[in-house]
C-alpha atoms as a PDB file:
ATOM      1  CA  MET A   1     114.690 119.122 120.676  1.00  0.00           C
ATOM      2  CA  PRO A   2     111.020 119.763 119.773  1.00  0.00           C
ATOM      3  CA  SER A   3     108.398 118.623 122.241  1.00  0.00           C
ATOM      4  CA  ALA A   4     106.527 115.410 121.419  1.00  0.00           C
ATOM      5  CA  PRO A   5     103.221 115.705 119.543  1.00  0.00           C
ATOM      6  CA  PRO A   6     100.041 115.399 121.620  1.00  0.00           C
ATOM      7  CA  THR A   7      99.083 111.876 122.645  1.00  0.00           C
ATOM      8  CA  GLY A   8      97.568 110.008 119.703  1.00  0.00           C
ATOM      9  CA  ALA A   9      98.726 112.599 117.153  1.00  0.00           C
ATOM     10  CA  ALA A  10     101.520 112.705 114.561  1.00  0.00           C
ATOM     11  CA  GLU A  11     103.490 115.786 113.594  1.00  0.00           C
ATOM     12  CA  ILE A  12     104.357 115.865 109.879  1.00  0.00           C
ATOM     13  CA  LEU A  13     107.018 118.129 108.379  1.00  0.00           C
ATOM     14  CA  PHE A  14     106.695 118.401 104.598  1.00  0.00           C
ATOM     15  CA  VAL A  15     110.289 118.555 103.348  1.00  0.00           C
ATOM     16  CA  GLY A  16     109.346 118.524  99.653  1.00  0.00           C
ATOM     17  CA  ASN A  17     108.401 116.129  96.838  1.00  0.00           C
ATOM     18  CA  ALA A  18     107.404 112.927  98.714  1.00  0.00           C
ATOM     19  CA  THR A  19     109.731 113.495 101.681  1.00  0.00           C
ATOM     20  CA  LEU A  20     108.042 113.744 105.069  1.00  0.00           C
ATOM     21  CA  LEU A  21     109.470 113.720 108.576  1.00  0.00           C
ATOM     22  CA  ILE A  22     106.847 112.085 110.802  1.00  0.00           C
ATOM     23  CA  ARG A  23     106.952 112.104 114.611  1.00  0.00           C
ATOM     24  CA  TYR A  24     104.582 110.079 116.736  1.00  0.00           C
ATOM     25  CA  GLY A  25     105.315 109.785 120.455  1.00  0.00           C
ATOM     26  CA  ASP A  26     108.865 108.458 120.742  1.00  0.00           C
ATOM     27  CA  LEU A  27     109.081 107.455 117.056  1.00  0.00           C
ATOM     28  CA  THR A  28     110.544 109.449 114.159  1.00  0.00           C
ATOM     29  CA  LEU A  29     110.195 108.278 110.532  1.00  0.00           C
ATOM     30  CA  LEU A  30     111.426 109.660 107.208  1.00  0.00           C
ATOM     31  CA  THR A  31     109.686 108.938 103.908  1.00  0.00           C
ATOM     32  CA  ASP A  32     111.198 108.843 100.403  1.00  0.00           C
ATOM     33  CA  PRO A  33     114.335 110.932 101.132  1.00  0.00           C
ATOM     34  CA  ASN A  34     115.020 113.472  98.381  1.00  0.00           C
ATOM     35  CA  PHE A  35     117.496 116.237  99.235  1.00  0.00           C
ATOM     36  CA  LEU A  36     118.549 117.399  95.771  1.00  0.00           C
ATOM     37  CA  HIS A  37     118.339 121.166  95.273  1.00  0.00           C
ATOM     38  CA  ARG A  38     116.844 123.349  92.579  1.00  0.00           C
ATOM     39  CA  GLY A  39     118.634 122.842  89.269  1.00  0.00           C
ATOM     40  CA  GLN A  40     120.026 119.410  90.120  1.00  0.00           C
ATOM     41  CA  TYR A  41     118.914 116.347  88.173  1.00  0.00           C
ATOM     42  CA  ALA A  42     117.279 113.197  89.491  1.00  0.00           C
ATOM     43  CA  TYR A  43     117.914 109.961  87.623  1.00  0.00           C
ATOM     44  CA  LEU A  44     114.676 108.145  86.793  1.00  0.00           C
ATOM     45  CA  GLY A  45     116.181 105.108  85.084  1.00  0.00           C
ATOM     46  CA  LYS A  46     116.448 104.014  81.433  1.00  0.00           C
ATOM     47  CA  GLY A  47     118.569 107.115  80.723  1.00  0.00           C
ATOM     48  CA  LEU A  48     115.839 109.532  81.861  1.00  0.00           C
ATOM     49  CA  LEU A  49     116.655 112.596  83.960  1.00  0.00           C
ATOM     50  CA  SER A  50     114.463 115.329  85.432  1.00  0.00           C
ATOM     51  CA  LYS A  51     115.508 118.703  86.822  1.00  0.00           C
ATOM     52  CA  ARG A  52     114.396 119.677  90.303  1.00  0.00           C
ATOM     53  CA  LEU A  53     112.470 122.952  90.332  1.00  0.00           C
ATOM     54  CA  THR A  54     112.355 123.514  94.106  1.00  0.00           C
ATOM     55  CA  ASP A  55     114.609 123.340  97.155  1.00  0.00           C
ATOM     56  CA  PRO A  56     113.957 120.915 100.024  1.00  0.00           C
ATOM     57  CA  ALA A  57     112.961 122.501 103.314  1.00  0.00           C
ATOM     58  CA  LEU A  58     115.518 120.377 105.175  1.00  0.00           C
ATOM     59  CA  GLY A  59     118.965 119.053 104.366  1.00  0.00           C
ATOM     60  CA  ALA A  60     120.196 115.538 105.108  1.00  0.00           C
ATOM     61  CA  ASP A  61     122.571 117.032 107.698  1.00  0.00           C
ATOM     62  CA  GLN A  62     119.591 118.547 109.549  1.00  0.00           C
ATOM     63  CA  LEU A  63     117.792 115.268 110.185  1.00  0.00           C
ATOM     64  CA  PRO A  64     117.285 114.298 113.835  1.00  0.00           C
ATOM     65  CA  ALA A  65     119.859 111.924 115.267  1.00  0.00           C
ATOM     66  CA  ASP A  66     117.154 109.637 116.681  1.00  0.00           C
ATOM     67  CA  LEU A  67     115.640 108.702 113.314  1.00  0.00           C
ATOM     68  CA  ASP A  68     114.035 105.252 113.622  1.00  0.00           C
ATOM     69  CA  ALA A  69     113.537 104.246 109.989  1.00  0.00           C
ATOM     70  CA  VAL A  70     113.015 105.300 106.393  1.00  0.00           C
ATOM     71  CA  ILE A  71     109.802 104.288 104.622  1.00  0.00           C
ATOM     72  CA  LEU A  72     110.844 104.028 100.970  1.00  0.00           C
ATOM     73  CA  SER A  73     108.136 103.477  98.369  1.00  0.00           C
ATOM     74  CA  HIS A  74     110.558 102.624  95.546  1.00  0.00           C
ATOM     75  CA  LEU A  75     113.990 103.256  94.097  1.00  0.00           C
ATOM     76  CA  HIS A  76     113.749 106.302  91.857  1.00  0.00           C
ATOM     77  CA  GLY A  77     116.092 109.278  91.965  1.00  0.00           C
ATOM     78  CA  ASP A  78     113.407 111.640  93.248  1.00  0.00           C
ATOM     79  CA  HIS A  79     112.605 109.313  96.182  1.00  0.00           C
ATOM     80  CA  TRP A  80     116.046 107.971  97.082  1.00  0.00           C
ATOM     81  CA  ASP A  81     118.663 110.300  95.667  1.00  0.00           C
ATOM     82  CA  ARG A  82     122.447 110.337  95.698  1.00  0.00           C
ATOM     83  CA  VAL A  83     122.456 112.618  98.756  1.00  0.00           C
ATOM     84  CA  ALA A  84     120.410 110.108 100.764  1.00  0.00           C
ATOM     85  CA  ARG A  85     122.621 107.274  99.556  1.00  0.00           C
ATOM     86  CA  ARG A  86     125.778 109.070 100.686  1.00  0.00           C
ATOM     87  CA  ARG A  87     124.606 110.810 103.841  1.00  0.00           C
ATOM     88  CA  LEU A  88     122.169 108.477 105.601  1.00  0.00           C
ATOM     89  CA  PRO A  89     123.742 106.034 108.088  1.00  0.00           C
ATOM     90  CA  ARG A  90     124.238 102.556 106.652  1.00  0.00           C
ATOM     91  CA  SER A  91     122.814 101.144 109.895  1.00  0.00           C
ATOM     92  CA  LEU A  92     119.487 102.985 109.491  1.00  0.00           C
ATOM     93  CA  PRO A  93     116.503 100.655 108.976  1.00  0.00           C
ATOM     94  CA  VAL A  94     114.843 101.101 105.557  1.00  0.00           C
ATOM     95  CA  ILE A  95     111.425  99.536 104.986  1.00  0.00           C
ATOM     96  CA  THR A  96     110.795  99.122 101.282  1.00  0.00           C
ATOM     97  CA  THR A  97     110.023  96.690  98.472  1.00  0.00           C
ATOM     98  CA  PRO A  98     111.917  93.379  98.257  1.00  0.00           C
ATOM     99  CA  GLN A  99     113.615  94.549  95.032  1.00  0.00           C
ATOM    100  CA  ALA A 100     114.787  97.823  96.583  1.00  0.00           C
ATOM    101  CA  SER A 101     115.921  96.020  99.740  1.00  0.00           C
ATOM    102  CA  ARG A 102     118.177  93.682  97.785  1.00  0.00           C
ATOM    103  CA  ARG A 103     119.715  96.585  95.904  1.00  0.00           C
ATOM    104  CA  LEU A 104     120.227  98.712  99.004  1.00  0.00           C
ATOM    105  CA  GLN A 105     121.893  95.863 100.856  1.00  0.00           C
ATOM    106  CA  GLY A 106     123.967  94.508  97.991  1.00  0.00           C
ATOM    107  CA  LEU A 107     125.156  97.673  96.267  1.00  0.00           C
ATOM    108  CA  HIS A 108     124.955 100.382  98.902  1.00  0.00           C
ATOM    109  CA  GLY A 109     125.590  98.652 102.217  1.00  0.00           C
ATOM    110  CA  PHE A 110     122.302  99.458 103.966  1.00  0.00           C
ATOM    111  CA  SER A 111     122.402  96.245 105.970  1.00  0.00           C
ATOM    112  CA  ARG A 112     119.068  96.843 107.740  1.00  0.00           C
ATOM    113  CA  ALA A 113     116.981  97.341 104.606  1.00  0.00           C
ATOM    114  CA  THR A 114     113.842  95.221 104.970  1.00  0.00           C
ATOM    115  CA  GLY A 115     111.837  94.175 101.912  1.00  0.00           C
ATOM    116  CA  LEU A 116     108.114  93.719 102.517  1.00  0.00           C
ATOM    117  CA  PRO A 117     106.003  91.740 100.058  1.00  0.00           C
ATOM    118  CA  VAL A 118     102.504  93.168  99.588  1.00  0.00           C
ATOM    119  CA  TRP A 119     100.306  92.738 102.696  1.00  0.00           C
ATOM    120  CA  HIS A 120     103.277  91.839 104.892  1.00  0.00           C
ATOM    121  CA  ASP A 121     104.120  94.067 107.844  1.00  0.00           C
ATOM    122  CA  HIS A 122     106.964  95.141 110.104  1.00  0.00           C
ATOM    123  CA  VAL A 123     106.673  96.625 113.607  1.00  0.00           C
ATOM    124  CA  LEU A 124     108.894  99.414 114.942  1.00  0.00           C
ATOM    125  CA  LEU A 125     109.084 100.236 118.646  1.00  0.00           C
ATOM    126  CA  ARG A 126     110.696 103.025 120.592  1.00  0.00           C
ATOM    127  CA  GLY A 127     109.922 103.765 124.224  1.00  0.00           C
ATOM    128  CA  GLY A 128     106.176 103.575 124.676  1.00  0.00           C
ATOM    129  CA  SER A 129     105.316 104.039 120.985  1.00  0.00           C
ATOM    130  CA  GLN A 130     104.712 101.564 118.181  1.00  0.00           C
ATOM    131  CA  VAL A 131     104.044 101.677 114.450  1.00  0.00           C
ATOM    132  CA  ARG A 132     103.073  98.733 112.285  1.00  0.00           C
ATOM    133  CA  VAL A 133     104.109  99.300 108.659  1.00  0.00           C
ATOM    134  CA  THR A 134     102.154  97.216 106.132  1.00  0.00           C
ATOM    135  CA  ALA A 135     103.131  97.091 102.447  1.00  0.00           C
ATOM    136  CA  LEU A 136     100.156  97.848 100.194  1.00  0.00           C
ATOM    137  CA  PRO A 137      99.654  97.419  96.433  1.00  0.00           C
ATOM    138  CA  GLY A 138     100.913 100.074  94.045  1.00  0.00           C
ATOM    139  CA  ARG A 139     101.412 100.258  90.289  1.00  0.00           C
ATOM    140  CA  HIS A 140     103.789 102.859  88.845  1.00  0.00           C
ATOM    141  CA  GLY A 141     102.933 102.457  85.171  1.00  0.00           C
ATOM    142  CA  PRO A 142      99.991 101.464  82.972  1.00  0.00           C
ATOM    143  CA  GLY A 143      99.781  98.058  81.292  1.00  0.00           C
ATOM    144  CA  PRO A 144     103.064  96.455  80.219  1.00  0.00           C
ATOM    145  CA  ALA A 145     104.891  99.748  80.863  1.00  0.00           C
ATOM    146  CA  ARG A 146     104.876  98.937  84.580  1.00  0.00           C
ATOM    147  CA  PHE A 147     107.588  96.341  83.965  1.00  0.00           C
ATOM    148  CA  LEU A 148     109.938  99.135  82.818  1.00  0.00           C
ATOM    149  CA  LEU A 149     109.587 100.894  86.176  1.00  0.00           C
ATOM    150  CA  PRO A 150     110.749  99.796  89.633  1.00  0.00           C
ATOM    151  CA  PRO A 151     108.228  98.000  91.857  1.00  0.00           C
ATOM    152  CA  VAL A 152     106.444 100.434  94.154  1.00  0.00           C
ATOM    153  CA  MET A 153     104.626  99.969  97.439  1.00  0.00           C
ATOM    154  CA  GLY A 154     102.037 101.934  99.263  1.00  0.00           C
ATOM    155  CA  SER A 155     102.273 101.896 103.053  1.00  0.00           C
ATOM    156  CA  LEU A 156      99.825 101.730 105.925  1.00  0.00           C
ATOM    157  CA  LEU A 157     101.299 103.175 109.116  1.00  0.00           C
ATOM    158  CA  GLU A 158      99.314 102.193 112.203  1.00  0.00           C
ATOM    159  CA  PHE A 159     100.477 104.155 115.239  1.00  0.00           C
ATOM    160  CA  GLY A 160      99.675 103.543 118.867  1.00  0.00           C
ATOM    161  CA  ASP A 161     101.064 102.728 122.279  1.00  0.00           C
ATOM    162  CA  ALA A 162     103.430  99.765 122.419  1.00  0.00           C
ATOM    163  CA  GLY A 163     101.279  96.642 122.603  1.00  0.00           C
ATOM    164  CA  GLY A 164      98.089  98.718 122.577  1.00  0.00           C
ATOM    165  CA  ASP A 165      95.318  99.658 120.192  1.00  0.00           C
ATOM    166  CA  VAL A 166      95.836 101.573 116.941  1.00  0.00           C
ATOM    167  CA  ARG A 167      95.222 105.282 117.481  1.00  0.00           C
ATOM    168  CA  LEU A 168      96.147 106.711 114.078  1.00  0.00           C
ATOM    169  CA  ARG A 169      96.077 105.144 110.596  1.00  0.00           C
ATOM    170  CA  LEU A 170      98.111 106.889 107.925  1.00  0.00           C
ATOM    171  CA  TYR A 171      98.199 105.703 104.303  1.00  0.00           C
ATOM    172  CA  ILE A 172     101.017 106.742 101.949  1.00  0.00           C
ATOM    173  CA  SER A 173     100.153 105.994  98.338  1.00  0.00           C
ATOM    174  CA  GLY A 174     103.635 105.846  96.819  1.00  0.00           C
ATOM    175  CA  ASP A 175     103.930 106.570  93.098  1.00  0.00           C
ATOM    176  CA  THR A 176     100.893 104.590  92.045  1.00  0.00           C
ATOM    177  CA  LEU A 177      98.192 104.989  89.454  1.00  0.00           C
ATOM    178  CA  MET A 178      94.575 104.024  89.959  1.00  0.00           C
ATOM    179  CA  PHE A 179      94.211 100.255  89.411  1.00  0.00           C
ATOM    180  CA  PRO A 180      92.196  97.412  91.000  1.00  0.00           C
ATOM    181  CA  GLY A 181      94.660  97.125  93.893  1.00  0.00           C
ATOM    182  CA  ILE A 182      93.346 100.434  95.271  1.00  0.00           C
ATOM    183  CA  HIS A 183      89.898  98.865  95.667  1.00  0.00           C
ATOM    184  CA  GLU A 184      91.511  95.962  97.493  1.00  0.00           C
ATOM    185  CA  ILE A 185      93.126  98.438  99.907  1.00  0.00           C
ATOM    186  CA  ALA A 186      89.681  99.941 100.534  1.00  0.00           C
ATOM    187  CA  ARG A 187      88.273  96.503 101.381  1.00  0.00           C
ATOM    188  CA  ARG A 188      91.134  95.401 103.618  1.00  0.00           C
ATOM    189  CA  CYS A 189      92.112  98.714 105.254  1.00  0.00           C
ATOM    190  CA  PRO A 190      89.001 100.618 106.332  1.00  0.00           C
ATOM    191  CA  GLY A 191      89.177 103.543 108.699  1.00  0.00           C
ATOM    192  CA  ILE A 192      92.185 105.412 107.275  1.00  0.00           C
ATOM    193  CA  HIS A 193      92.480 108.713 109.122  1.00  0.00           C
ATOM    194  CA  LEU A 194      94.921 110.475 106.755  1.00  0.00           C
ATOM    195  CA  ALA A 195      95.901 109.583 103.183  1.00  0.00           C
ATOM    196  CA  VAL A 196      99.138 111.075 101.828  1.00  0.00           C
ATOM    197  CA  VAL A 197      98.722 110.975  98.044  1.00  0.00           C
ATOM    198  CA  HIS A 198     101.533 111.238  95.495  1.00  0.00           C
ATOM    199  CA  LEU A 199     100.203 113.356  92.652  1.00  0.00           C
ATOM    200  CA  GLY A 200     101.846 115.424  89.903  1.00  0.00           C
ATOM    201  CA  GLY A 201     100.704 113.579  86.805  1.00  0.00           C
ATOM    202  CA  THR A 202     104.327 112.624  86.106  1.00  0.00           C
ATOM    203  CA  THR A 203     104.572 112.196  82.341  1.00  0.00           C
ATOM    204  CA  LEU A 204     107.478 110.495  80.586  1.00  0.00           C
ATOM    205  CA  PRO A 205     108.485 111.006  76.936  1.00  0.00           C
ATOM    206  CA  GLY A 206     105.729 109.836  74.619  1.00  0.00           C
ATOM    207  CA  GLY A 207     103.023 110.956  77.046  1.00  0.00           C
ATOM    208  CA  LEU A 208     103.235 107.982  79.419  1.00  0.00           C
ATOM    209  CA  LEU A 209     101.513 108.869  82.713  1.00  0.00           C
ATOM    210  CA  VAL A 210     103.265 107.217  85.688  1.00  0.00           C
ATOM    211  CA  THR A 211     101.858 109.030  88.742  1.00  0.00           C
ATOM    212  CA  MET A 212      98.327 110.136  89.507  1.00  0.00           C
ATOM    213  CA  ASP A 213      97.051 113.358  88.023  1.00  0.00           C
ATOM    214  CA  ALA A 214      94.296 115.366  89.720  1.00  0.00           C
ATOM    215  CA  LEU A 215      91.464 113.164  88.438  1.00  0.00           C
ATOM    216  CA  GLN A 216      93.115 109.896  89.451  1.00  0.00           C
ATOM    217  CA  GLY A 217      94.072 111.323  92.846  1.00  0.00           C
ATOM    218  CA  ALA A 218      90.490 112.393  93.489  1.00  0.00           C
ATOM    219  CA  ASP A 219      89.268 108.949  92.381  1.00  0.00           C
ATOM    220  CA  LEU A 220      91.674 107.237  94.802  1.00  0.00           C
ATOM    221  CA  VAL A 221      90.399 109.348  97.694  1.00  0.00           C
ATOM    222  CA  SER A 222      86.799 108.639  96.692  1.00  0.00           C
ATOM    223  CA  VAL A 223      87.526 104.891  96.802  1.00  0.00           C
ATOM    224  CA  LEU A 224      89.473 104.870 100.081  1.00  0.00           C
ATOM    225  CA  ARG A 225      87.388 107.557 101.809  1.00  0.00           C
ATOM    226  CA  PRO A 226      89.964 108.602 104.413  1.00  0.00           C
ATOM    227  CA  GLY A 227      89.049 111.206 106.982  1.00  0.00           C
ATOM    228  CA  HIS A 228      91.538 113.655 105.466  1.00  0.00           C
ATOM    229  CA  VAL A 229      93.968 113.794 102.550  1.00  0.00           C
ATOM    230  CA  LEU A 230      97.404 115.440 102.333  1.00  0.00           C
ATOM    231  CA  PRO A 231      98.610 116.035  98.739  1.00  0.00           C
ATOM    232  CA  VAL A 232     102.364 115.830  98.028  1.00  0.00           C
ATOM    233  CA  HIS A 233     104.643 115.170  95.023  1.00  0.00           C
ATOM    234  CA  TYR A 234     103.082 117.690  92.639  1.00  0.00           C
ATOM    235  CA  ASP A 235     105.488 120.427  91.462  1.00  0.00           C
ATOM    236  CA  ASP A 236     109.074 119.559  92.358  1.00  0.00           C
ATOM    237  CA  TYR A 237     110.242 118.204  88.979  1.00  0.00           C
ATOM    238  CA  GLY A 238     109.818 119.169  85.356  1.00  0.00           C
ATOM    239  CA  VAL A 239     108.135 115.855  84.491  1.00  0.00           C
ATOM    240  CA  MET A 240     105.188 116.743  86.748  1.00  0.00           C
ATOM    241  CA  LYS A 241     102.375 118.114  84.580  1.00  0.00           C
ATOM    242  CA  SER A 242      99.328 118.170  86.910  1.00  0.00           C
ATOM    243  CA  PRO A 243      99.530 121.067  89.397  1.00  0.00           C
ATOM    244  CA  LEU A 244      98.147 121.080  92.919  1.00  0.00           C
ATOM    245  CA  SER A 245      95.516 123.609  91.868  1.00  0.00           C
ATOM    246  CA  ASP A 246      93.903 120.967  89.629  1.00  0.00           C
ATOM    247  CA  PHE A 247      93.611 118.534  92.531  1.00  0.00           C
ATOM    248  CA  LEU A 248      92.223 121.212  94.843  1.00  0.00           C
ATOM    249  CA  ARG A 249      89.593 121.996  92.237  1.00  0.00           C
ATOM    250  CA  GLU A 250      88.551 118.322  92.262  1.00  0.00           C
ATOM    251  CA  THR A 251      88.417 118.266  96.067  1.00  0.00           C
ATOM    252  CA  GLY A 252      86.068 121.251  96.015  1.00  0.00           C
ATOM    253  CA  ARG A 253      83.220 119.134  94.676  1.00  0.00           C
ATOM    254  CA  PRO A 254      80.260 118.967  97.084  1.00  0.00           C
ATOM    255  CA  ASP A 255      80.421 115.160  97.160  1.00  0.00           C
ATOM    256  CA  PHE A 256      84.155 114.913  97.879  1.00  0.00           C
ATOM    257  CA  PRO A 257      84.401 112.558 100.882  1.00  0.00           C
ATOM    258  CA  SER A 258      87.508 113.839 102.695  1.00  0.00           C
ATOM    259  CA  GLY A 259      88.876 117.007 104.210  1.00  0.00           C
ATOM    260  CA  VAL A 260      92.043 118.427 102.630  1.00  0.00           C
ATOM    261  CA  VAL A 261      95.117 119.156 104.734  1.00  0.00           C
ATOM    262  CA  ARG A 262      97.169 121.976 103.233  1.00  0.00           C
ATOM    263  CA  CYS A 263     100.857 121.833 104.141  1.00  0.00           C
ATOM    264  CA  ALA A 264     103.438 123.758 102.118  1.00  0.00           C
ATOM    265  CA  ARG A 265     107.116 122.818 101.974  1.00  0.00           C
ATOM    266  CA  GLY A 266     108.711 123.683 105.288  1.00  0.00           C
ATOM    267  CA  GLU A 267     105.441 123.651 107.213  1.00  0.00           C
ATOM    268  CA  ARG A 268     104.465 121.242 109.967  1.00  0.00           C
ATOM    269  CA  VAL A 269     100.974 119.934 110.531  1.00  0.00           C
ATOM    270  CA  THR A 270      99.859 117.890 113.519  1.00  0.00           C
ATOM    271  CA  VAL A 271      97.043 115.411 112.902  1.00  0.00           C
ATOM    272  CA  ASP A 272      95.120 112.922 114.993  1.00  0.00           C
ATOM    273  CA  ALA A 273      92.270 110.561 114.177  1.00  0.00           C
ATOM    274  CA  ASN A 274      89.917 113.522 113.726  1.00  0.00           C
ATOM    275  CA  GLY A 275      92.156 115.597 111.442  1.00  0.00           C
ATOM    276  CA  PRO A 276      94.531 118.555 111.893  1.00  0.00           C
ATOM    277  CA  VAL A 277      95.019 119.798 115.442  1.00  0.00           C
ATOM    278  CA  GLY A 278      97.883 122.226 114.866  1.00  0.00           C
ATOM    279  CA  ARG A 279     100.091 123.891 112.267  1.00  0.00           C
ATOM    280  CA  ALA A 280     103.453 125.652 112.326  1.00  0.00           C
ATOM    281  CA  GLY A 281     106.194 126.913 110.052  1.00  0.00           C
ATOM    282  CA  GLY A 282     109.431 125.003 109.604  1.00  0.00           C
END
């Protein structure tokens, strides 16, 4: 078993798309599990499919046995796929939106799925480590189109010692676009150390943009002003039209407020409140 990250730091393995394996002290979390392989199709709802263009760096059968919870931003086939549905233990806690929680419990038997309304939180403890997960606003589609897409949540993960002060604040955007709720996050959640942003400029038939492209992603970071930003969710599916290179070009502006953490699929990066403190292959 790998050694624990340094005190106050989280080790993040980028599995692919929006799937991260996050270890902090005694805690291990999985985000948006997507284990489909290259050439397989994810179901996006309303009859829409998208082909995966990459392979995940980890299979569902390679997950650690001591997984504490899944942080699920929303129910779409590239964030909770048929492999996750079949292979993850039904007793595993899943922290997600109220809508996704009802579906996971009622149709799929995940009895410990917890639905968090926006600004509500849930605390996870293991050993001497704690994380408070707070549901944050997100909007998957523009205007009335958002009602055709599943509700989505961003997440604030506040790590620290059990019963102690917060030592690391990690924001996960979920599949959101820029909208006034992002400014509300900035007001209510200052001091984010690392922002994990879902990019890709996902574009549905008719040109409907449903995830942030490079410009929107850079705008989100400029509003939230985290210490560092980790881009994910940018080239795994054919519906993604805004490559990582576009976002990196935006982050190269002299006035860009945050450092960029580069982490390719299969790589691990260790971060604390000051930024990256280590990097390794898968």
